PDB file of N, CA and C in Angstrom:
ATOM      1  N   VAL A   1     149.453  98.456 109.460  1.00  0.00           N
ATOM      2  CA  VAL A   1     149.689  98.039 110.822  1.00  0.00           C
ATOM      3  C   VAL A   1     149.018  96.690 111.081  1.00  0.00           C
ATOM      4  N   ILE A   2     147.926  96.414 110.408  1.00  0.00           N
ATOM      5  CA  ILE A   2     147.177  95.176 110.665  1.00  0.00           C
ATOM      6  C   ILE A   2     147.920  93.962 110.123  1.00  0.00           C
ATOM      7  N   LEU A   3     148.347  94.036 108.894  1.00  0.00           N
ATOM      8  CA  LEU A   3     148.958  92.863 108.260  1.00  0.00           C
ATOM      9  C   LEU A   3     150.159  92.316 109.029  1.00  0.00           C
ATOM     10  N   PRO A   4     151.076  93.138 109.510  1.00  0.00           N
ATOM     11  CA  PRO A   4     152.210  92.569 110.248  1.00  0.00           C
ATOM     12  C   PRO A   4     151.873  92.105 111.670  1.00  0.00           C
ATOM     13  N   THR A   5     150.745  92.537 112.209  1.00  0.00           N
ATOM     14  CA  THR A   5     150.470  92.220 113.616  1.00  0.00           C
ATOM     15  C   THR A   5     149.379  91.189 113.841  1.00  0.00           C
ATOM     16  N   ILE A   6     148.502  90.993 112.892  1.00  0.00           N
ATOM     17  CA  ILE A   6     147.311  90.186 113.169  1.00  0.00           C
ATOM     18  C   ILE A   6     147.641  88.712 113.434  1.00  0.00           C
ATOM     19  N   TRP A   7     148.624  88.160 112.726  1.00  0.00           N
ATOM     20  CA  TRP A   7     148.928  86.746 112.923  1.00  0.00           C
ATOM     21  C   TRP A   7     149.434  86.479 114.340  1.00  0.00           C
ATOM     22  N   ARG A   8     150.344  87.307 114.807  1.00  0.00           N
ATOM     23  CA  ARG A   8     150.868  87.128 116.169  1.00  0.00           C
ATOM     24  C   ARG A   8     149.785  87.390 117.216  1.00  0.00           C
ATOM     25  N   TYR A   9     148.979  88.388 116.946  1.00  0.00           N
ATOM     26  CA  TYR A   9     147.859  88.710 117.824  1.00  0.00           C
ATOM     27  C   TYR A   9     146.933  87.494 117.973  1.00  0.00           C
ATOM     28  N   LEU A  10     146.605  86.865 116.866  1.00  0.00           N
ATOM     29  CA  LEU A  10     145.714  85.698 116.899  1.00  0.00           C
ATOM     30  C   LEU A  10     146.382  84.507 117.588  1.00  0.00           C
ATOM     31  N   GLN A  11     147.673  84.372 117.424  1.00  0.00           N
ATOM     32  CA  GLN A  11     148.380  83.298 118.117  1.00  0.00           C
ATOM     33  C   GLN A  11     148.341  83.501 119.632  1.00  0.00           C
ATOM     34  N   ILE A  12     148.516  84.717 120.084  1.00  0.00           N
ATOM     35  CA  ILE A  12     148.457  85.017 121.516  1.00  0.00           C
ATOM     36  C   ILE A  12     147.068  84.698 122.067  1.00  0.00           C
ATOM     37  N   LEU A  13     146.037  84.980 121.255  1.00  0.00           N
ATOM     38  CA  LEU A  13     144.663  84.726 121.679  1.00  0.00           C
ATOM     39  C   LEU A  13     144.232  83.275 121.435  1.00  0.00           C
ATOM     40  N   GLU A  14     145.164  82.438 120.953  1.00  0.00           N
ATOM     41  CA  GLU A  14     144.922  81.016 120.693  1.00  0.00           C
ATOM     42  C   GLU A  14     143.753  80.787 119.735  1.00  0.00           C
ATOM     43  N   ALA A  15     143.697  81.606 118.704  1.00  0.00           N
ATOM     44  CA  ALA A  15     142.663  81.469 117.687  1.00  0.00           C
ATOM     45  C   ALA A  15     143.115  80.438 116.652  1.00  0.00           C
ATOM     46  N   PRO A  16     142.170  79.706 116.068  1.00  0.00           N
ATOM     47  CA  PRO A  16     142.537  78.775 115.011  1.00  0.00           C
ATOM     48  C   PRO A  16     143.080  79.522 113.789  1.00  0.00           C
ATOM     49  N   PRO A  17     143.896  78.857 112.971  1.00  0.00           N
ATOM     50  CA  PRO A  17     144.535  79.548 111.831  1.00  0.00           C
ATOM     51  C   PRO A  17     143.561  80.194 110.839  1.00  0.00           C
ATOM     52  N   TYR A  18     142.366  79.634 110.704  1.00  0.00           N
ATOM     53  CA  TYR A  18     141.438  80.218 109.732  1.00  0.00           C
ATOM     54  C   TYR A  18     140.956  81.611 110.143  1.00  0.00           C
ATOM     55  N   PHE A  19     141.165  81.994 111.389  1.00  0.00           N
ATOM     56  CA  PHE A  19     140.795  83.338 111.815  1.00  0.00           C
ATOM     57  C   PHE A  19     141.651  84.392 111.130  1.00  0.00           C
ATOM     58  N   LEU A  20     142.828  84.022 110.678  1.00  0.00           N
ATOM     59  CA  LEU A  20     143.650  84.974 109.920  1.00  0.00           C
ATOM     60  C   LEU A  20     142.911  85.377 108.647  1.00  0.00           C
ATOM     61  N   GLY A  21     142.398  84.411 107.927  1.00  0.00           N
ATOM     62  CA  GLY A  21     141.634  84.702 106.715  1.00  0.00           C
ATOM     63  C   GLY A  21     140.359  85.473 107.002  1.00  0.00           C
ATOM     64  N   LEU A  22     139.682  85.094 108.078  1.00  0.00           N
ATOM     65  CA  LEU A  22     138.460  85.807 108.447  1.00  0.00           C
ATOM     66  C   LEU A  22     138.764  87.264 108.797  1.00  0.00           C
ATOM     67  N   GLY A  23     139.806  87.461 109.578  1.00  0.00           N
ATOM     68  CA  GLY A  23     140.152  88.820 109.997  1.00  0.00           C
ATOM     69  C   GLY A  23     140.568  89.703 108.840  1.00  0.00           C
ATOM     70  N   LEU A  24     141.335  89.154 107.920  1.00  0.00           N
ATOM     71  CA  LEU A  24     141.789  89.951 106.780  1.00  0.00           C
ATOM     72  C   LEU A  24     140.664  90.228 105.789  1.00  0.00           C
ATOM     73  N   SER A  25     139.782  89.265 105.600  1.00  0.00           N
ATOM     74  CA  SER A  25     138.708  89.456 104.623  1.00  0.00           C
ATOM     75  C   SER A  25     137.523  90.233 105.192  1.00  0.00           C
ATOM     76  N   ALA A  26     137.384  90.297 106.512  1.00  0.00           N
ATOM     77  CA  ALA A  26     136.257  91.012 107.114  1.00  0.00           C
ATOM     78  C   ALA A  26     136.277  92.490 106.729  1.00  0.00           C
ATOM     79  N   PHE A  27     137.461  93.079 106.691  1.00  0.00           N
ATOM     80  CA  PHE A  27     137.600  94.485 106.311  1.00  0.00           C
ATOM     81  C   PHE A  27     137.063  94.710 104.897  1.00  0.00           C
ATOM     82  N   SER A  28     137.482  93.876 103.979  1.00  0.00           N
ATOM     83  CA  SER A  28     137.051  94.028 102.586  1.00  0.00           C
ATOM     84  C   SER A  28     135.566  93.736 102.419  1.00  0.00           C
ATOM     85  N   LEU A  29     135.065  92.774 103.170  1.00  0.00           N
ATOM     86  CA  LEU A  29     133.649  92.432 103.072  1.00  0.00           C
ATOM     87  C   LEU A  29     132.767  93.601 103.494  1.00  0.00           C
ATOM     88  N   SER A  30     133.079  94.216 104.611  1.00  0.00           N
ATOM     89  CA  SER A  30     132.239  95.337 105.046  1.00  0.00           C
ATOM     90  C   SER A  30     132.406  96.545 104.123  1.00  0.00           C
ATOM     91  N   GLY A  31     133.599  96.733 103.560  1.00  0.00           N
ATOM     92  CA  GLY A  31     133.780  97.790 102.561  1.00  0.00           C
ATOM     93  C   GLY A  31     132.979  97.518 101.302  1.00  0.00           C
ATOM     94  N   LEU A  32     132.886  96.244 100.922  1.00  0.00           N
ATOM     95  CA  LEU A  32     132.107  95.849  99.751  1.00  0.00           C
ATOM     96  C   LEU A  32     130.621  96.110  99.967  1.00  0.00           C
ATOM     97  N   VAL A  33     130.144  95.859 101.171  1.00  0.00           N
ATOM     98  CA  VAL A  33     128.731  96.063 101.474  1.00  0.00           C
ATOM     99  C   VAL A  33     128.397  97.556 101.606  1.00  0.00           C
ATOM    100  N   THR A  34     129.263  98.317 102.253  1.00  0.00           N
ATOM    101  CA  THR A  34     128.949  99.724 102.502  1.00  0.00           C
ATOM    102  C   THR A  34     129.297 100.653 101.346  1.00  0.00           C
ATOM    103  N   GLY A  35     130.142 100.212 100.441  1.00  0.00           N
ATOM    104  CA  GLY A  35     130.499 101.050  99.293  1.00  0.00           C
ATOM    105  C   GLY A  35     129.295 101.524  98.496  1.00  0.00           C
ATOM    106  N   PRO A  36     128.432 100.615  98.064  1.00  0.00           N
ATOM    107  CA  PRO A  36     127.242 101.071  97.329  1.00  0.00           C
ATOM    108  C   PRO A  36     126.307 101.952  98.172  1.00  0.00           C
ATOM    109  N   LEU A  37     126.242 101.680  99.471  1.00  0.00           N
ATOM    110  CA  LEU A  37     125.388 102.505 100.331  1.00  0.00           C
ATOM    111  C   LEU A  37     125.923 103.930 100.434  1.00  0.00           C
ATOM    112  N   PHE A  38     127.238 104.056 100.633  1.00  0.00           N
ATOM    113  CA  PHE A  38     127.829 105.394 100.679  1.00  0.00           C
ATOM    114  C   PHE A  38     127.749 106.073  99.315  1.00  0.00           C
ATOM    115  N   GLY A  39     127.898 105.302  98.250  1.00  0.00           N
ATOM    116  CA  GLY A  39     127.771 105.872  96.910  1.00  0.00           C
ATOM    117  C   GLY A  39     126.365 106.405  96.656  1.00  0.00           C
ATOM    118  N   PHE A  40     125.362 105.645  97.078  1.00  0.00           N
ATOM    119  CA  PHE A  40     123.973 106.088  96.939  1.00  0.00           C
ATOM    120  C   PHE A  40     123.726 107.350  97.747  1.00  0.00           C
ATOM    121  N   TRP A  41     124.233 107.365  98.980  1.00  0.00           N
ATOM    122  CA  TRP A  41     124.099 108.537  99.842  1.00  0.00           C
ATOM    123  C   TRP A  41     124.775 109.747  99.197  1.00  0.00           C
ATOM    124  N   SER A  42     125.944 109.540  98.634  1.00  0.00           N
ATOM    125  CA  SER A  42     126.684 110.624  97.998  1.00  0.00           C
ATOM    126  C   SER A  42     125.944 111.159  96.774  1.00  0.00           C
ATOM    127  N   ASP A  43     125.379 110.263  95.973  1.00  0.00           N
ATOM    128  CA  ASP A  43     124.644 110.700  94.790  1.00  0.00           C
ATOM    129  C   ASP A  43     123.388 111.476  95.155  1.00  0.00           C
ATOM    130  N   ARG A  44     122.743 111.089  96.220  1.00  0.00           N
ATOM    131  CA  ARG A  44     121.519 111.776  96.645  1.00  0.00           C
ATOM    132  C   ARG A  44     121.804 113.123  97.302  1.00  0.00           C
ATOM    133  N   SER A  45     122.809 113.155  98.159  1.00  0.00           N
ATOM    134  CA  SER A  45     123.049 114.371  98.941  1.00  0.00           C
ATOM    135  C   SER A  45     124.063 115.316  98.298  1.00  0.00           C
ATOM    136  N   LYS A  46     124.880 114.808  97.404  1.00  0.00           N
ATOM    137  CA  LYS A  46     125.958 115.585  96.758  1.00  0.00           C
ATOM    138  C   LYS A  46     126.955 116.140  97.770  1.00  0.00           C
ATOM    139  N   THR A  47     127.014 115.549  98.948  1.00  0.00           N
ATOM    140  CA  THR A  47     127.993 115.954  99.951  1.00  0.00           C
ATOM    141  C   THR A  47     128.948 114.807 100.198  1.00  0.00           C
ATOM    142  N   THR A  48     130.200 115.056  99.999  1.00  0.00           N
ATOM    143  CA  THR A  48     131.205 114.019 100.195  1.00  0.00           C
ATOM    144  C   THR A  48     131.910 114.177 101.531  1.00  0.00           C
ATOM    145  N   LYS A  49     132.081 115.402 101.965  1.00  0.00           N
ATOM    146  CA  LYS A  49     132.825 115.652 103.194  1.00  0.00           C
ATOM    147  C   LYS A  49     132.170 114.968 104.401  1.00  0.00           C
ATOM    148  N   SER A  50     130.875 115.089 104.552  1.00  0.00           N
ATOM    149  CA  SER A  50     130.193 114.476 105.700  1.00  0.00           C
ATOM    150  C   SER A  50     130.270 112.957 105.637  1.00  0.00           C
ATOM    151  N   ILE A  51     130.237 112.399 104.450  1.00  0.00           N
ATOM    152  CA  ILE A  51     130.329 110.941 104.300  1.00  0.00           C
ATOM    153  C   ILE A  51     131.717 110.462 104.699  1.00  0.00           C
ATOM    154  N   ILE A  52     132.726 111.188 104.286  1.00  0.00           N
ATOM    155  CA  ILE A  52     134.096 110.805 104.644  1.00  0.00           C
ATOM    156  C   ILE A  52     134.306 110.911 106.150  1.00  0.00           C
ATOM    157  N   LEU A  53     133.813 111.981 106.757  1.00  0.00           N
ATOM    158  CA  LEU A  53     133.948 112.129 108.211  1.00  0.00           C
ATOM    159  C   LEU A  53     133.194 111.016 108.947  1.00  0.00           C
ATOM    160  N   PHE A  54     132.003 110.693 108.483  1.00  0.00           N
ATOM    161  CA  PHE A  54     131.208 109.622 109.086  1.00  0.00           C
ATOM    162  C   PHE A  54     131.933 108.282 108.977  1.00  0.00           C
ATOM    163  N   SER A  55     132.483 108.000 107.802  1.00  0.00           N
ATOM    164  CA  SER A  55     133.180 106.727 107.614  1.00  0.00           C
ATOM    165  C   SER A  55     134.486 106.676 108.408  1.00  0.00           C
ATOM    166  N   ASN A  56     135.132 107.814 108.568  1.00  0.00           N
ATOM    167  CA  ASN A  56     136.359 107.848 109.379  1.00  0.00           C
ATOM    168  C   ASN A  56     136.087 107.506 110.837  1.00  0.00           C
ATOM    169  N   LEU A  57     134.918 107.864 111.328  1.00  0.00           N
ATOM    170  CA  LEU A  57     134.552 107.482 112.691  1.00  0.00           C
ATOM    171  C   LEU A  57     134.555 105.958 112.848  1.00  0.00           C
ATOM    172  N   PHE A  58     134.031 105.269 111.845  1.00  0.00           N
ATOM    173  CA  PHE A  58     134.028 103.807 111.888  1.00  0.00           C
ATOM    174  C   PHE A  58     135.444 103.254 111.865  1.00  0.00           C
ATOM    175  N   GLU A  59     136.293 103.856 111.058  1.00  0.00           N
ATOM    176  CA  GLU A  59     137.677 103.392 111.013  1.00  0.00           C
ATOM    177  C   GLU A  59     138.377 103.604 112.347  1.00  0.00           C
ATOM    178  N   ILE A  60     138.153 104.746 112.961  1.00  0.00           N
ATOM    179  CA  ILE A  60     138.779 105.038 114.261  1.00  0.00           C
ATOM    180  C   ILE A  60     138.281 104.067 115.322  1.00  0.00           C
ATOM    181  N   VAL A  61     136.968 103.865 115.385  1.00  0.00           N
ATOM    182  CA  VAL A  61     136.404 102.952 116.380  1.00  0.00           C
ATOM    183  C   VAL A  61     136.896 101.530 116.132  1.00  0.00           C
ATOM    184  N   GLY A  62     136.896 101.104 114.875  1.00  0.00           N
ATOM    185  CA  GLY A  62     137.364  99.755 114.551  1.00  0.00           C
ATOM    186  C   GLY A  62     138.822  99.544 114.908  1.00  0.00           C
ATOM    187  N   ASN A  63     139.647 100.523 114.643  1.00  0.00           N
ATOM    188  CA  ASN A  63     141.062 100.403 114.981  1.00  0.00           C
ATOM    189  C   ASN A  63     141.288 100.445 116.487  1.00  0.00           C
ATOM    190  N   PHE A  64     140.463 101.195 117.201  1.00  0.00           N
ATOM    191  CA  PHE A  64     140.559 101.195 118.656  1.00  0.00           C
ATOM    192  C   PHE A  64     140.139  99.824 119.211  1.00  0.00           C
ATOM    193  N   MET A  65     139.103  99.237 118.625  1.00  0.00           N
ATOM    194  CA  MET A  65     138.685  97.886 119.038  1.00  0.00           C
ATOM    195  C   MET A  65     139.814  96.889 118.795  1.00  0.00           C
ATOM    196  N   TYR A  66     140.506  97.038 117.676  1.00  0.00           N
ATOM    197  CA  TYR A  66     141.634  96.155 117.372  1.00  0.00           C
ATOM    198  C   TYR A  66     142.738  96.328 118.408  1.00  0.00           C
ATOM    199  N   PHE A  67     142.976  97.564 118.814  1.00  0.00           N
ATOM    200  CA  PHE A  67     143.989  97.859 119.822  1.00  0.00           C
ATOM    201  C   PHE A  67     143.649  97.178 121.152  1.00  0.00           C
ATOM    202  N   ILE A  68     142.371  97.211 121.527  1.00  0.00           N
ATOM    203  CA  ILE A  68     141.952  96.592 122.784  1.00  0.00           C
ATOM    204  C   ILE A  68     142.054  95.074 122.667  1.00  0.00           C
ATOM    205  N   GLY A  69     141.512  94.513 121.631  1.00  0.00           N
ATOM    206  CA  GLY A  69     141.620  93.121 121.233  1.00  0.00           C
ATOM    207  C   GLY A  69     141.832  92.067 122.292  1.00  0.00           C
ATOM    208  N   TYR A  70     140.900  91.892 123.190  1.00  0.00           N
ATOM    209  CA  TYR A  70     141.059  90.876 124.229  1.00  0.00           C
ATOM    210  C   TYR A  70     140.501  89.520 123.825  1.00  0.00           C
ATOM    211  N   SER A  71     139.858  89.417 122.663  1.00  0.00           N
ATOM    212  CA  SER A  71     139.377  88.115 122.191  1.00  0.00           C
ATOM    213  C   SER A  71     139.444  88.070 120.675  1.00  0.00           C
ATOM    214  N   LYS A  72     139.437  86.867 120.149  1.00  0.00           N
ATOM    215  CA  LYS A  72     139.485  86.702 118.691  1.00  0.00           C
ATOM    216  C   LYS A  72     138.230  87.268 118.037  1.00  0.00           C
ATOM    217  N   TRP A  73     137.109  87.221 118.748  1.00  0.00           N
ATOM    218  CA  TRP A  73     135.860  87.743 118.198  1.00  0.00           C
ATOM    219  C   TRP A  73     135.875  89.273 118.144  1.00  0.00           C
ATOM    220  N   LEU A  74     136.496  89.882 119.122  1.00  0.00           N
ATOM    221  CA  LEU A  74     136.618  91.338 119.091  1.00  0.00           C
ATOM    222  C   LEU A  74     137.519  91.772 117.933  1.00  0.00           C
ATOM    223  N   LEU A  75     138.574  91.014 117.673  1.00  0.00           N
ATOM    224  CA  LEU A  75     139.431  91.335 116.524  1.00  0.00           C
ATOM    225  C   LEU A  75     138.649  91.230 115.224  1.00  0.00           C
ATOM    226  N   LEU A  76     137.851  90.187 115.099  1.00  0.00           N
ATOM    227  CA  LEU A  76     137.054  90.015 113.891  1.00  0.00           C
ATOM    228  C   LEU A  76     136.048  91.159 113.750  1.00  0.00           C
ATOM    229  N   CYS A  77     135.369  91.494 114.829  1.00  0.00           N
ATOM    230  CA  CYS A  77     134.409  92.606 114.787  1.00  0.00           C
ATOM    231  C   CYS A  77     135.103  93.932 114.509  1.00  0.00           C
ATOM    232  N   SER A  78     136.313  94.095 115.032  1.00  0.00           N
ATOM    233  CA  SER A  78     137.034  95.349 114.800  1.00  0.00           C
ATOM    234  C   SER A  78     137.346  95.527 113.319  1.00  0.00           C
ATOM    235  N   ARG A  79     137.672  94.448 112.645  1.00  0.00           N
ATOM    236  CA  ARG A  79     137.965  94.539 111.214  1.00  0.00           C
ATOM    237  C   ARG A  79     136.688  94.815 110.418  1.00  0.00           C
ATOM    238  N   LEU A  80     135.572  94.259 110.873  1.00  0.00           N
ATOM    239  CA  LEU A  80     134.301  94.557 110.207  1.00  0.00           C
ATOM    240  C   LEU A  80     133.926  96.032 110.369  1.00  0.00           C
ATOM    241  N   VAL A  81     134.084  96.555 111.568  1.00  0.00           N
ATOM    242  CA  VAL A  81     133.739  97.955 111.830  1.00  0.00           C
ATOM    243  C   VAL A  81     134.680  98.889 111.070  1.00  0.00           C
ATOM    244  N   ALA A  82     135.970  98.622 111.098  1.00  0.00           N
ATOM    245  CA  ALA A  82     136.920  99.472 110.386  1.00  0.00           C
ATOM    246  C   ALA A  82     136.691  99.431 108.875  1.00  0.00           C
ATOM    247  N   GLY A  83     136.241  98.298 108.377  1.00  0.00           N
ATOM    248  CA  GLY A  83     135.982  98.168 106.940  1.00  0.00           C
ATOM    249  C   GLY A  83     134.851  99.034 106.440  1.00  0.00           C
ATOM    250  N   VAL A  84     133.942  99.418 107.335  1.00  0.00           N
ATOM    251  CA  VAL A  84     132.861 100.321 106.930  1.00  0.00           C
ATOM    252  C   VAL A  84     133.459 101.614 106.379  1.00  0.00           C
ATOM    253  N   GLY A  85     134.537 102.056 106.967  1.00  0.00           N
ATOM    254  CA  GLY A  85     135.189 103.274 106.493  1.00  0.00           C
ATOM    255  C   GLY A  85     135.739 103.149 105.084  1.00  0.00           C
ATOM    256  N   ALA A  86     136.098 101.940 104.682  1.00  0.00           N
ATOM    257  CA  ALA A  86     136.617 101.742 103.331  1.00  0.00           C
ATOM    258  C   ALA A  86     135.542 101.947 102.276  1.00  0.00           C
ATOM    259  N   GLY A  87     134.286 101.850 102.689  1.00  0.00           N
ATOM    260  CA  GLY A  87     133.192 102.053 101.748  1.00  0.00           C
ATOM    261  C   GLY A  87     133.090 103.471 101.233  1.00  0.00           C
ATOM    262  N   ALA A  88     133.744 104.410 101.879  1.00  0.00           N
ATOM    263  CA  ALA A  88     133.693 105.809 101.442  1.00  0.00           C
ATOM    264  C   ALA A  88     134.430 106.030 100.131  1.00  0.00           C
ATOM    265  N   GLY A  89     135.192 105.057  99.695  1.00  0.00           N
ATOM    266  CA  GLY A  89     135.897 105.192  98.420  1.00  0.00           C
ATOM    267  C   GLY A  89     134.958 105.473  97.264  1.00  0.00           C
ATOM    268  N   SER A  90     133.793 104.855  97.280  1.00  0.00           N
ATOM    269  CA  SER A  90     132.827 105.093  96.201  1.00  0.00           C
ATOM    270  C   SER A  90     132.341 106.534  96.218  1.00  0.00           C
ATOM    271  N   SER A  91     132.196 107.091  97.392  1.00  0.00           N
ATOM    272  CA  SER A  91     131.790 108.492  97.505  1.00  0.00           C
ATOM    273  C   SER A  91     132.883 109.424  96.978  1.00  0.00           C
ATOM    274  N   ILE A  92     134.125 109.092  97.276  1.00  0.00           N
ATOM    275  CA  ILE A  92     135.245 109.903  96.803  1.00  0.00           C
ATOM    276  C   ILE A  92     135.339 109.876  95.284  1.00  0.00           C
ATOM    277  N   PHE A  93     135.216 108.681  94.710  1.00  0.00           N
ATOM    278  CA  PHE A  93     135.305 108.587  93.250  1.00  0.00           C
ATOM    279  C   PHE A  93     134.084 109.199  92.572  1.00  0.00           C
ATOM    280  N   GLY A  94     132.943 109.150  93.231  1.00  0.00           N
ATOM    281  CA  GLY A  94     131.769 109.846  92.699  1.00  0.00           C
ATOM    282  C   GLY A  94     131.987 111.344  92.658  1.00  0.00           C
ATOM    283  N   PHE A  95     132.576 111.879  93.720  1.00  0.00           N
ATOM    284  CA  PHE A  95     132.893 113.303  93.753  1.00  0.00           C
ATOM    285  C   PHE A  95     133.877 113.661  92.643  1.00  0.00           C
ATOM    286  N   LEU A  96     134.899 112.841  92.469  1.00  0.00           N
ATOM    287  CA  LEU A  96     135.883 113.110  91.407  1.00  0.00           C
ATOM    288  C   LEU A  96     135.242 113.066  90.028  1.00  0.00           C
ATOM    289  N   THR A  97     134.301 112.169  89.847  1.00  0.00           N
ATOM    290  CA  THR A  97     133.615 112.077  88.563  1.00  0.00           C
ATOM    291  C   THR A  97     132.774 113.322  88.313  1.00  0.00           C
ATOM    292  N   ARG A  98     132.114 113.822  89.341  1.00  0.00           N
ATOM    293  CA  ARG A  98     131.273 115.014  89.185  1.00  0.00           C
ATOM    294  C   ARG A  98     132.097 116.280  88.986  1.00  0.00           C
ATOM    295  N   SER A  99     133.317 116.303  89.496  1.00  0.00           N
ATOM    296  CA  SER A  99     134.078 117.556  89.492  1.00  0.00           C
ATOM    297  C   SER A  99     135.226 117.597  88.481  1.00  0.00           C
ATOM    298  N   THR A 100     135.355 116.604  87.623  1.00  0.00           N
ATOM    299  CA  THR A 100     136.425 116.615  86.622  1.00  0.00           C
ATOM    300  C   THR A 100     135.836 116.450  85.221  1.00  0.00           C
ATOM    301  N   GLN A 101     136.630 116.851  84.261  1.00  0.00           N
ATOM    302  CA  GLN A 101     136.262 116.653  82.865  1.00  0.00           C
ATOM    303  C   GLN A 101     136.649 115.227  82.441  1.00  0.00           C
ATOM    304  N   PRO A 102     135.930 114.644  81.497  1.00  0.00           N
ATOM    305  CA  PRO A 102     136.247 113.272  81.074  1.00  0.00           C
ATOM    306  C   PRO A 102     137.695 113.087  80.606  1.00  0.00           C
ATOM    307  N   GLU A 103     138.283 114.114  80.007  1.00  0.00           N
ATOM    308  CA  GLU A 103     139.649 113.978  79.494  1.00  0.00           C
ATOM    309  C   GLU A 103     140.686 113.853  80.607  1.00  0.00           C
ATOM    310  N   GLU A 104     140.426 114.440  81.753  1.00  0.00           N
ATOM    311  CA  GLU A 104     141.400 114.446  82.833  1.00  0.00           C
ATOM    312  C   GLU A 104     141.152 113.382  83.895  1.00  0.00           C
ATOM    313  N   ARG A 105     140.055 112.654  83.788  1.00  0.00           N
ATOM    314  CA  ARG A 105     139.698 111.693  84.833  1.00  0.00           C
ATOM    315  C   ARG A 105     140.695 110.561  85.005  1.00  0.00           C
ATOM    316  N   ALA A 106     141.183 110.012  83.933  1.00  0.00           N
ATOM    317  CA  ALA A 106     142.084 108.855  84.043  1.00  0.00           C
ATOM    318  C   ALA A 106     143.325 109.200  84.868  1.00  0.00           C
ATOM    319  N   GLY A 107     143.917 110.336  84.604  1.00  0.00           N
ATOM    320  CA  GLY A 107     145.104 110.738  85.353  1.00  0.00           C
ATOM    321  C   GLY A 107     144.805 111.012  86.819  1.00  0.00           C
ATOM    322  N   ILE A 108     143.689 111.672  87.077  1.00  0.00           N
ATOM    323  CA  ILE A 108     143.319 111.977  88.464  1.00  0.00           C
ATOM    324  C   ILE A 108     142.974 110.700  89.219  1.00  0.00           C
ATOM    325  N   PHE A 109     142.223 109.800  88.583  1.00  0.00           N
ATOM    326  CA  PHE A 109     141.888 108.530  89.231  1.00  0.00           C
ATOM    327  C   PHE A 109     143.150 107.729  89.533  1.00  0.00           C
ATOM    328  N   ALA A 110     144.090 107.730  88.593  1.00  0.00           N
ATOM    329  CA  ALA A 110     145.348 107.001  88.814  1.00  0.00           C
ATOM    330  C   ALA A 110     146.121 107.591  89.993  1.00  0.00           C
ATOM    331  N   ALA A 111     146.158 108.903  90.086  1.00  0.00           N
ATOM    332  CA  ALA A 111     146.874 109.553  91.194  1.00  0.00           C
ATOM    333  C   ALA A 111     146.206 109.245  92.535  1.00  0.00           C
ATOM    334  N   ILE A 112     144.886 109.277  92.572  1.00  0.00           N
ATOM    335  CA  ILE A 112     144.162 108.987  93.813  1.00  0.00           C
ATOM    336  C   ILE A 112     144.353 107.524  94.207  1.00  0.00           C
ATOM    337  N   MET A 113     144.295 106.633  93.248  1.00  0.00           N
ATOM    338  CA  MET A 113     144.513 105.209  93.561  1.00  0.00           C
ATOM    339  C   MET A 113     145.936 104.975  94.080  1.00  0.00           C
ATOM    340  N   ALA A 114     146.905 105.678  93.524  1.00  0.00           N
ATOM    341  CA  ALA A 114     148.288 105.543  94.001  1.00  0.00           C
ATOM    342  C   ALA A 114     148.403 106.068  95.426  1.00  0.00           C
ATOM    343  N   CYS A 115     147.727 107.152  95.735  1.00  0.00           N
ATOM    344  CA  CYS A 115     147.764 107.694  97.112  1.00  0.00           C
ATOM    345  C   CYS A 115     147.090 106.745  98.093  1.00  0.00           C
ATOM    346  N   ARG A 116     146.032 106.093  97.682  1.00  0.00           N
ATOM    347  CA  ARG A 116     145.331 105.152  98.576  1.00  0.00           C
ATOM    348  C   ARG A 116     146.189 103.924  98.878  1.00  0.00           C
ATOM    349  N   GLN A 117     147.062 103.558  97.962  1.00  0.00           N
ATOM    350  CA  GLN A 117     147.899 102.371  98.159  1.00  0.00           C
ATOM    351  C   GLN A 117     149.143 102.664  98.976  1.00  0.00           C
ATOM    352  N   ALA A 118     149.488 103.924  99.099  1.00  0.00           N
ATOM    353  CA  ALA A 118     150.711 104.286  99.816  1.00  0.00           C
ATOM    354  C   ALA A 118     150.544 104.209 101.311  1.00  0.00           C
TER     355      ALA A 118
END
């Protein structure tokens, strides 16, 4: 939903063109920062469900901020907040590593990656 709408959204808000790059990369940046933190939390607590629920809250709040989007700065912050939820991927793959045999991991990882891209 973000990719087809963000450019027009930024044009309506009269944001400079470089805000498109900032908005798109902000999501990945916050996921990059929070991924190791969620992975560390997952390794220590061995609980994945609570981490996923916690990260989903960030995604919901970030997407709601994007929906409100009355300024270019709010759009940028919304992508940063929503990106925190992307950091839960490390927790998910940690869980898969702990719960599968080495012989079956490649197929399961491939299936999960395909589901994440859909």
